N, C-alpha and C. Protein backbone atom coordinates (compact mmCIF):
# COMPACT_ATOMS: atom_id res chain seq x y z
N UNK A 1 -45.47 17.28 86.82
CA UNK A 1 -44.44 16.37 87.29
C UNK A 1 -44.76 14.94 86.93
N UNK A 2 -46.06 14.54 86.97
CA UNK A 2 -46.43 13.19 86.63
C UNK A 2 -46.04 12.85 85.20
N UNK A 3 -46.23 13.80 84.29
CA UNK A 3 -45.84 13.55 82.89
C UNK A 3 -44.36 13.38 82.78
N UNK A 4 -43.61 14.22 83.49
CA UNK A 4 -42.16 14.13 83.48
C UNK A 4 -41.69 12.74 84.00
N UNK A 5 -42.29 12.25 85.07
CA UNK A 5 -41.97 10.90 85.60
C UNK A 5 -42.33 9.83 84.56
N UNK A 6 -43.47 10.01 83.93
CA UNK A 6 -43.93 9.07 82.92
C UNK A 6 -42.96 8.93 81.76
N UNK A 7 -42.33 10.05 81.40
CA UNK A 7 -41.42 10.07 80.23
C UNK A 7 -39.96 9.81 80.60
N UNK A 8 -39.62 9.76 81.88
CA UNK A 8 -38.23 9.71 82.33
C UNK A 8 -37.64 8.30 82.31
N UNK A 9 -36.77 8.02 81.32
CA UNK A 9 -36.13 6.71 81.23
C UNK A 9 -34.99 6.54 82.25
N UNK A 10 -34.52 7.62 82.83
CA UNK A 10 -33.47 7.52 83.85
C UNK A 10 -33.93 6.78 85.09
N UNK A 11 -35.23 6.58 85.23
CA UNK A 11 -35.73 5.89 86.41
C UNK A 11 -35.64 4.35 86.26
N UNK A 12 -35.31 3.86 85.09
CA UNK A 12 -35.14 2.42 84.92
C UNK A 12 -33.68 2.00 85.20
N UNK A 13 -33.50 0.74 85.46
CA UNK A 13 -32.15 0.22 85.80
C UNK A 13 -31.16 0.52 84.70
N UNK A 14 -31.54 0.35 83.43
CA UNK A 14 -30.61 0.55 82.33
C UNK A 14 -30.69 1.94 81.72
N UNK A 15 -31.60 2.79 82.26
CA UNK A 15 -31.71 4.16 81.76
C UNK A 15 -32.35 4.28 80.39
N UNK A 16 -33.06 3.22 79.98
CA UNK A 16 -33.64 3.20 78.64
C UNK A 16 -35.17 3.01 78.62
N UNK A 17 -35.77 2.71 79.76
CA UNK A 17 -37.17 2.38 79.81
C UNK A 17 -37.96 3.45 80.60
N UNK A 18 -39.04 3.88 80.03
CA UNK A 18 -39.97 4.77 80.74
C UNK A 18 -41.37 4.24 80.54
N UNK A 19 -42.33 4.82 81.22
CA UNK A 19 -43.73 4.40 80.97
C UNK A 19 -44.06 4.55 79.51
N UNK A 20 -43.56 5.63 78.89
CA UNK A 20 -43.84 5.93 77.49
C UNK A 20 -43.15 4.96 76.53
N UNK A 21 -42.22 4.13 77.02
CA UNK A 21 -41.62 3.12 76.16
C UNK A 21 -42.67 2.09 75.71
N UNK A 22 -43.60 1.80 76.55
CA UNK A 22 -44.65 0.84 76.24
C UNK A 22 -45.99 1.57 75.98
N UNK A 23 -46.22 2.63 76.69
CA UNK A 23 -47.48 3.39 76.53
C UNK A 23 -47.18 4.60 75.66
N UNK A 24 -47.01 4.34 74.35
CA UNK A 24 -46.61 5.36 73.40
C UNK A 24 -47.80 6.26 73.02
N UNK A 25 -47.65 7.57 73.23
CA UNK A 25 -48.78 8.46 72.91
C UNK A 25 -49.23 8.30 71.46
N UNK A 26 -48.30 8.16 70.56
CA UNK A 26 -48.66 8.06 69.11
C UNK A 26 -49.37 6.76 68.76
N UNK A 27 -49.39 5.80 69.68
CA UNK A 27 -50.10 4.54 69.45
C UNK A 27 -51.23 4.36 70.45
N UNK A 28 -51.84 5.44 70.83
CA UNK A 28 -52.98 5.36 71.77
C UNK A 28 -52.54 4.97 73.15
N UNK A 29 -51.33 5.30 73.53
CA UNK A 29 -50.77 4.95 74.84
C UNK A 29 -50.71 3.44 75.03
N UNK A 30 -50.39 2.73 73.94
CA UNK A 30 -50.08 1.30 73.95
C UNK A 30 -48.83 1.14 73.09
N UNK A 31 -48.45 -0.08 72.68
CA UNK A 31 -47.23 -0.18 71.87
C UNK A 31 -47.36 -1.06 70.66
N UNK A 32 -48.50 -1.65 70.39
CA UNK A 32 -48.76 -2.47 69.21
C UNK A 32 -47.84 -3.70 69.13
N UNK A 33 -47.36 -4.18 70.26
CA UNK A 33 -46.52 -5.39 70.28
C UNK A 33 -47.32 -6.54 70.87
N UNK A 34 -46.89 -7.72 70.58
CA UNK A 34 -47.53 -8.93 71.14
C UNK A 34 -47.37 -8.92 72.66
N UNK A 35 -46.17 -8.66 73.14
CA UNK A 35 -45.90 -8.52 74.58
C UNK A 35 -44.98 -7.32 74.76
N UNK A 36 -45.06 -6.69 75.92
CA UNK A 36 -44.23 -5.53 76.25
C UNK A 36 -42.75 -5.92 76.27
N UNK A 37 -41.91 -4.92 75.97
CA UNK A 37 -40.47 -5.11 76.06
C UNK A 37 -39.91 -4.09 77.04
N UNK A 38 -39.16 -4.59 78.04
CA UNK A 38 -38.66 -3.71 79.08
C UNK A 38 -37.15 -3.62 79.12
N UNK A 39 -36.64 -3.52 80.33
CA UNK A 39 -35.23 -3.32 80.60
C UNK A 39 -34.39 -4.44 79.93
N UNK A 40 -33.28 -4.06 79.37
CA UNK A 40 -32.37 -4.98 78.68
C UNK A 40 -33.07 -5.79 77.57
N UNK A 41 -34.15 -5.21 77.01
CA UNK A 41 -34.85 -5.90 75.93
C UNK A 41 -35.65 -7.13 76.37
N UNK A 42 -35.86 -7.27 77.68
CA UNK A 42 -36.60 -8.43 78.21
C UNK A 42 -38.08 -8.36 77.80
N UNK A 43 -38.56 -9.47 77.35
CA UNK A 43 -39.96 -9.56 76.94
C UNK A 43 -40.86 -9.86 78.13
N UNK A 44 -41.94 -9.13 78.19
CA UNK A 44 -42.92 -9.32 79.30
C UNK A 44 -43.82 -10.53 79.02
N UNK A 45 -44.85 -10.64 79.79
CA UNK A 45 -45.77 -11.75 79.66
C UNK A 45 -47.11 -11.40 79.03
N UNK A 46 -47.37 -10.10 78.88
CA UNK A 46 -48.64 -9.65 78.31
C UNK A 46 -48.41 -8.42 77.43
N UNK A 47 -49.41 -8.12 76.63
CA UNK A 47 -49.25 -6.89 75.81
C UNK A 47 -49.66 -5.69 76.66
N UNK A 48 -49.27 -4.52 76.15
CA UNK A 48 -49.46 -3.28 76.89
C UNK A 48 -50.86 -2.75 76.67
N UNK A 49 -51.68 -2.57 77.68
CA UNK A 49 -53.01 -1.99 77.50
C UNK A 49 -52.90 -0.48 77.26
N UNK A 50 -53.86 0.02 76.55
CA UNK A 50 -53.91 1.52 76.34
C UNK A 50 -54.21 2.17 77.67
N UNK A 51 -53.71 3.39 77.79
CA UNK A 51 -53.99 4.18 79.01
C UNK A 51 -55.12 5.22 78.72
N UNK A 52 -55.62 5.26 77.51
CA UNK A 52 -56.70 6.22 77.24
C UNK A 52 -57.90 5.89 78.13
N UNK A 53 -58.41 6.88 78.77
CA UNK A 53 -59.58 6.77 79.65
C UNK A 53 -59.36 5.84 80.84
N UNK A 54 -58.10 5.62 81.21
CA UNK A 54 -57.77 4.72 82.32
C UNK A 54 -58.31 5.23 83.66
N UNK A 55 -58.60 6.50 83.74
CA UNK A 55 -59.16 7.05 84.96
C UNK A 55 -60.52 6.53 85.29
N UNK A 56 -61.17 5.89 84.34
CA UNK A 56 -62.50 5.29 84.55
C UNK A 56 -62.40 3.84 85.00
N UNK A 57 -61.22 3.23 84.95
CA UNK A 57 -61.09 1.82 85.32
C UNK A 57 -61.43 1.59 86.78
N UNK A 58 -61.97 0.41 87.05
CA UNK A 58 -62.25 0.02 88.42
C UNK A 58 -61.10 -0.82 89.00
N UNK A 59 -60.39 -1.48 88.12
CA UNK A 59 -59.17 -2.23 88.51
C UNK A 59 -58.09 -1.98 87.46
N UNK A 60 -56.85 -2.34 87.82
CA UNK A 60 -55.72 -2.13 86.95
C UNK A 60 -55.02 -3.44 86.60
N UNK A 61 -54.29 -3.46 85.52
CA UNK A 61 -53.63 -4.61 84.95
C UNK A 61 -54.69 -5.53 84.36
N UNK A 62 -54.26 -6.37 83.44
CA UNK A 62 -55.19 -7.28 82.77
C UNK A 62 -55.90 -8.21 83.77
N UNK A 63 -55.25 -8.54 84.86
CA UNK A 63 -55.80 -9.49 85.83
C UNK A 63 -56.54 -8.76 86.97
N UNK A 64 -56.58 -7.43 86.97
CA UNK A 64 -57.31 -6.68 87.99
C UNK A 64 -56.67 -6.70 89.35
N UNK A 65 -55.34 -6.97 89.43
CA UNK A 65 -54.71 -7.11 90.76
C UNK A 65 -54.51 -5.84 91.52
N UNK A 66 -54.70 -4.70 90.93
CA UNK A 66 -54.59 -3.43 91.69
C UNK A 66 -55.91 -2.67 91.54
N UNK A 67 -56.25 -1.98 92.61
CA UNK A 67 -57.54 -1.29 92.69
C UNK A 67 -57.51 0.19 92.30
N UNK A 68 -56.30 0.73 92.09
CA UNK A 68 -56.21 2.17 91.73
C UNK A 68 -54.99 2.38 90.88
N UNK A 69 -54.98 3.52 90.20
CA UNK A 69 -53.81 3.89 89.42
C UNK A 69 -52.59 4.14 90.30
N UNK A 70 -52.84 4.64 91.51
CA UNK A 70 -51.73 4.84 92.46
C UNK A 70 -51.06 3.52 92.82
N UNK A 71 -51.86 2.51 93.04
CA UNK A 71 -51.31 1.17 93.37
C UNK A 71 -50.60 0.59 92.16
N UNK A 72 -51.14 0.81 91.01
CA UNK A 72 -50.56 0.24 89.79
C UNK A 72 -49.22 0.90 89.43
N UNK A 73 -49.08 2.17 89.64
CA UNK A 73 -47.97 2.95 89.14
C UNK A 73 -46.62 2.42 89.60
N UNK A 74 -46.52 1.87 90.78
CA UNK A 74 -45.22 1.40 91.30
C UNK A 74 -44.80 0.04 90.83
N UNK A 75 -45.77 -0.81 90.45
CA UNK A 75 -45.41 -2.19 90.10
C UNK A 75 -44.40 -2.28 88.95
N UNK A 76 -44.56 -1.57 87.84
CA UNK A 76 -43.58 -1.69 86.73
C UNK A 76 -42.19 -1.29 87.16
N UNK A 77 -42.06 -0.37 88.10
CA UNK A 77 -40.73 0.12 88.49
C UNK A 77 -39.87 -0.96 89.14
N UNK A 78 -40.50 -1.86 89.87
CA UNK A 78 -39.72 -2.90 90.56
C UNK A 78 -39.89 -4.28 89.89
N UNK A 79 -40.53 -4.30 88.75
CA UNK A 79 -40.69 -5.57 88.00
C UNK A 79 -39.38 -5.80 87.21
N UNK A 80 -38.76 -6.99 87.40
CA UNK A 80 -37.46 -7.23 86.76
C UNK A 80 -37.54 -7.26 85.20
N UNK A 81 -38.75 -7.40 84.63
CA UNK A 81 -38.89 -7.41 83.20
C UNK A 81 -39.19 -6.01 82.68
N UNK A 82 -39.61 -5.11 83.53
CA UNK A 82 -40.02 -3.78 83.05
C UNK A 82 -38.94 -2.76 83.35
N UNK A 83 -38.98 -2.08 84.49
CA UNK A 83 -37.95 -1.08 84.81
C UNK A 83 -36.71 -1.73 85.46
N UNK A 84 -36.93 -2.80 86.17
CA UNK A 84 -35.82 -3.55 86.76
C UNK A 84 -35.17 -2.98 88.00
N UNK A 85 -35.85 -2.04 88.68
CA UNK A 85 -35.29 -1.54 89.94
C UNK A 85 -35.43 -2.62 91.03
N UNK A 86 -34.50 -2.69 91.93
CA UNK A 86 -34.56 -3.70 93.00
C UNK A 86 -35.60 -3.40 94.07
N UNK A 87 -35.85 -2.10 94.28
CA UNK A 87 -36.83 -1.74 95.34
C UNK A 87 -37.28 -0.30 95.11
N UNK A 88 -38.30 0.12 95.86
CA UNK A 88 -38.73 1.49 95.74
C UNK A 88 -37.68 2.45 96.32
N UNK A 89 -36.85 1.97 97.21
CA UNK A 89 -35.77 2.86 97.75
C UNK A 89 -34.78 3.18 96.63
N UNK A 90 -34.56 2.29 95.70
CA UNK A 90 -33.68 2.64 94.54
C UNK A 90 -34.32 3.75 93.71
N UNK A 91 -35.63 3.69 93.53
CA UNK A 91 -36.34 4.79 92.88
C UNK A 91 -36.15 6.09 93.63
N UNK A 92 -36.27 6.05 94.95
CA UNK A 92 -36.15 7.27 95.75
C UNK A 92 -34.74 7.83 95.66
N UNK A 93 -33.74 6.99 95.56
CA UNK A 93 -32.37 7.45 95.42
C UNK A 93 -32.24 8.25 94.10
N UNK A 94 -32.88 7.74 93.03
CA UNK A 94 -32.78 8.40 91.76
C UNK A 94 -33.52 9.74 91.78
N UNK A 95 -34.73 9.76 92.36
CA UNK A 95 -35.49 10.99 92.44
C UNK A 95 -34.81 11.98 93.34
N UNK A 96 -34.29 11.53 94.46
CA UNK A 96 -33.66 12.40 95.47
C UNK A 96 -32.37 13.02 95.01
N UNK A 97 -31.77 12.48 93.91
CA UNK A 97 -30.53 13.07 93.42
C UNK A 97 -30.76 14.11 92.32
N UNK A 98 -32.02 14.35 92.01
CA UNK A 98 -32.35 15.31 90.97
C UNK A 98 -32.99 16.57 91.60
N UNK A 99 -32.30 17.68 91.61
CA UNK A 99 -32.76 18.91 92.26
C UNK A 99 -34.12 19.37 91.70
N UNK A 100 -34.34 19.15 90.39
CA UNK A 100 -35.66 19.57 89.81
C UNK A 100 -36.78 18.73 90.39
N UNK A 101 -36.57 17.41 90.49
CA UNK A 101 -37.63 16.58 91.12
C UNK A 101 -37.85 16.98 92.57
N UNK A 102 -36.79 17.26 93.31
CA UNK A 102 -36.94 17.64 94.71
C UNK A 102 -37.81 18.88 94.82
N UNK A 103 -37.60 19.86 93.97
CA UNK A 103 -38.39 21.07 93.97
C UNK A 103 -39.82 20.80 93.52
N UNK A 104 -40.00 20.00 92.56
CA UNK A 104 -41.35 19.66 92.10
C UNK A 104 -42.16 18.91 93.17
N UNK A 105 -41.53 17.97 93.85
CA UNK A 105 -42.20 17.27 94.94
C UNK A 105 -42.54 18.22 96.09
N UNK A 106 -41.61 19.14 96.40
CA UNK A 106 -41.87 20.12 97.44
C UNK A 106 -43.10 20.98 97.04
N UNK A 107 -43.14 21.43 95.83
CA UNK A 107 -44.23 22.30 95.38
C UNK A 107 -45.56 21.52 95.35
N UNK A 108 -45.54 20.28 94.91
CA UNK A 108 -46.77 19.52 94.81
C UNK A 108 -47.28 18.93 96.12
N UNK A 109 -46.33 18.50 96.97
CA UNK A 109 -46.72 17.78 98.19
C UNK A 109 -46.32 18.49 99.49
N UNK A 110 -45.54 19.54 99.37
CA UNK A 110 -45.06 20.23 100.57
C UNK A 110 -44.09 19.42 101.36
N UNK A 111 -43.34 18.55 100.70
CA UNK A 111 -42.40 17.69 101.40
C UNK A 111 -40.97 18.12 101.23
N UNK A 112 -40.18 17.89 102.24
CA UNK A 112 -38.74 18.11 102.18
C UNK A 112 -38.12 16.95 101.36
N UNK A 113 -36.90 17.16 100.89
CA UNK A 113 -36.23 16.18 100.05
C UNK A 113 -36.18 14.81 100.71
N UNK A 114 -35.93 14.77 102.05
CA UNK A 114 -35.79 13.48 102.73
C UNK A 114 -37.17 12.88 103.09
N UNK A 115 -38.26 13.56 102.77
CA UNK A 115 -39.59 13.03 103.07
C UNK A 115 -40.34 12.62 101.83
N UNK A 116 -39.73 12.68 100.65
CA UNK A 116 -40.36 12.24 99.42
C UNK A 116 -40.47 10.70 99.47
N UNK A 117 -41.63 10.20 99.12
CA UNK A 117 -41.86 8.74 99.14
C UNK A 117 -42.21 8.24 97.75
N UNK A 118 -42.12 6.94 97.59
CA UNK A 118 -42.53 6.28 96.36
C UNK A 118 -44.02 6.54 96.10
N UNK A 119 -44.78 6.62 97.18
CA UNK A 119 -46.23 6.89 97.06
C UNK A 119 -46.49 8.28 96.45
N UNK A 120 -45.63 9.24 96.76
CA UNK A 120 -45.76 10.56 96.12
C UNK A 120 -45.55 10.44 94.61
N UNK A 121 -44.56 9.66 94.23
CA UNK A 121 -44.28 9.44 92.78
C UNK A 121 -45.46 8.75 92.14
N UNK A 122 -46.01 7.75 92.81
CA UNK A 122 -47.17 7.02 92.26
C UNK A 122 -48.35 7.96 92.07
N UNK A 123 -48.60 8.83 93.08
CA UNK A 123 -49.68 9.78 92.99
C UNK A 123 -49.49 10.75 91.84
N UNK A 124 -48.28 11.20 91.60
CA UNK A 124 -48.01 12.11 90.49
C UNK A 124 -48.22 11.42 89.12
N UNK A 125 -47.74 10.18 88.99
CA UNK A 125 -47.92 9.45 87.76
C UNK A 125 -49.42 9.19 87.52
N UNK A 126 -50.11 8.74 88.53
CA UNK A 126 -51.56 8.48 88.41
C UNK A 126 -52.32 9.74 88.03
N UNK A 127 -51.95 10.86 88.59
CA UNK A 127 -52.60 12.12 88.25
C UNK A 127 -52.43 12.43 86.77
N UNK A 128 -51.25 12.22 86.26
CA UNK A 128 -51.01 12.44 84.83
C UNK A 128 -51.85 11.46 84.01
N UNK A 129 -51.83 10.19 84.38
CA UNK A 129 -52.58 9.20 83.60
C UNK A 129 -54.06 9.51 83.53
N UNK A 130 -54.60 10.10 84.54
CA UNK A 130 -56.02 10.47 84.53
C UNK A 130 -56.36 11.57 83.50
N UNK A 131 -55.35 12.22 83.02
CA UNK A 131 -55.58 13.26 82.01
C UNK A 131 -55.62 12.66 80.58
N UNK A 132 -55.30 11.42 80.45
CA UNK A 132 -55.21 10.76 79.11
C UNK A 132 -56.58 10.33 78.69
N UNK A 133 -57.28 11.20 78.02
CA UNK A 133 -58.67 10.97 77.63
C UNK A 133 -58.78 10.81 76.15
N UNK A 134 -59.56 9.85 75.75
CA UNK A 134 -59.89 9.65 74.33
C UNK A 134 -61.25 10.28 74.08
N UNK A 135 -61.62 10.31 72.84
CA UNK A 135 -62.93 10.87 72.49
C UNK A 135 -62.77 11.85 71.36
N UNK A 136 -63.88 12.24 70.80
CA UNK A 136 -63.86 13.19 69.73
C UNK A 136 -63.61 12.58 68.35
N UNK A 137 -63.59 11.23 68.30
CA UNK A 137 -63.44 10.57 67.02
C UNK A 137 -64.74 10.72 66.19
N UNK A 138 -64.65 10.39 64.93
CA UNK A 138 -65.87 10.46 64.11
C UNK A 138 -66.95 9.58 64.71
N UNK A 139 -66.64 8.41 65.21
CA UNK A 139 -67.63 7.58 65.83
C UNK A 139 -68.22 8.22 67.09
N UNK A 140 -67.37 8.81 67.91
CA UNK A 140 -67.85 9.48 69.13
C UNK A 140 -68.83 10.60 68.78
N UNK A 141 -68.48 11.37 67.77
CA UNK A 141 -69.37 12.49 67.36
C UNK A 141 -70.66 11.96 66.80
N UNK A 142 -70.64 10.89 66.03
CA UNK A 142 -71.87 10.27 65.49
C UNK A 142 -72.74 9.76 66.64
N UNK A 143 -72.14 9.04 67.55
CA UNK A 143 -72.90 8.49 68.67
C UNK A 143 -73.49 9.61 69.55
N UNK A 144 -72.71 10.62 69.84
CA UNK A 144 -73.20 11.73 70.68
C UNK A 144 -74.40 12.44 69.98
N UNK A 145 -74.31 12.68 68.70
CA UNK A 145 -75.42 13.33 68.00
C UNK A 145 -76.62 12.46 68.00
N UNK A 146 -76.43 11.15 67.84
CA UNK A 146 -77.54 10.20 67.84
C UNK A 146 -78.23 10.18 69.18
N UNK A 147 -77.49 10.16 70.28
CA UNK A 147 -78.07 10.14 71.64
C UNK A 147 -78.82 11.44 71.92
N UNK A 148 -78.33 12.56 71.43
CA UNK A 148 -78.99 13.84 71.68
C UNK A 148 -80.38 13.85 71.05
N UNK A 149 -80.58 13.13 69.97
CA UNK A 149 -81.87 13.07 69.26
C UNK A 149 -82.86 12.11 69.94
N UNK A 150 -82.35 11.16 70.69
CA UNK A 150 -83.23 10.13 71.32
C UNK A 150 -84.00 10.69 72.46
C-alpha cells in the first residue's frame, strides 16, 4: 500500500503530482532538477534528495526539521508548492473515497473506513521508503571485498 500511495498522483490537488514525480526510481529516487517542481508546475525552494537508503537517516529534509520518515511523509501533501492539499483532512477525503484504499488500510491497520488517519498513510509511505536500498554497485562490491581481506 505504501508504494501505491507513493505513486498515486490523485492525492495531489491537481491530480498530477505524486511522490514519484520528484523521487523518480529511474533517477535514484531523485529528479535531477535544480529545484523540485510540484502542483501547477510550481517550483520549490530546494532540490529533491534521493530516497535510496533513507531508512538510515537520523533526520529528514535538507534542514533536518523532521525526526522520522513518518513525520516527513505528510509535509509534502499539505505544502502549497508540492501536493497543494489544504489539510490532512482533504487527504483523508481522497483516501476514504477509494474502496481499494479502505480495504488496504483495514488489512494493514485493522481500521474501519471512518478510523483511517493521515498518520496511517504516513506510516505506509514510510514503510515503503525504508525498502528503497542502494548497493551492489561496482564500487560497493570492490569496497566489500577489500574490507573482507582486512
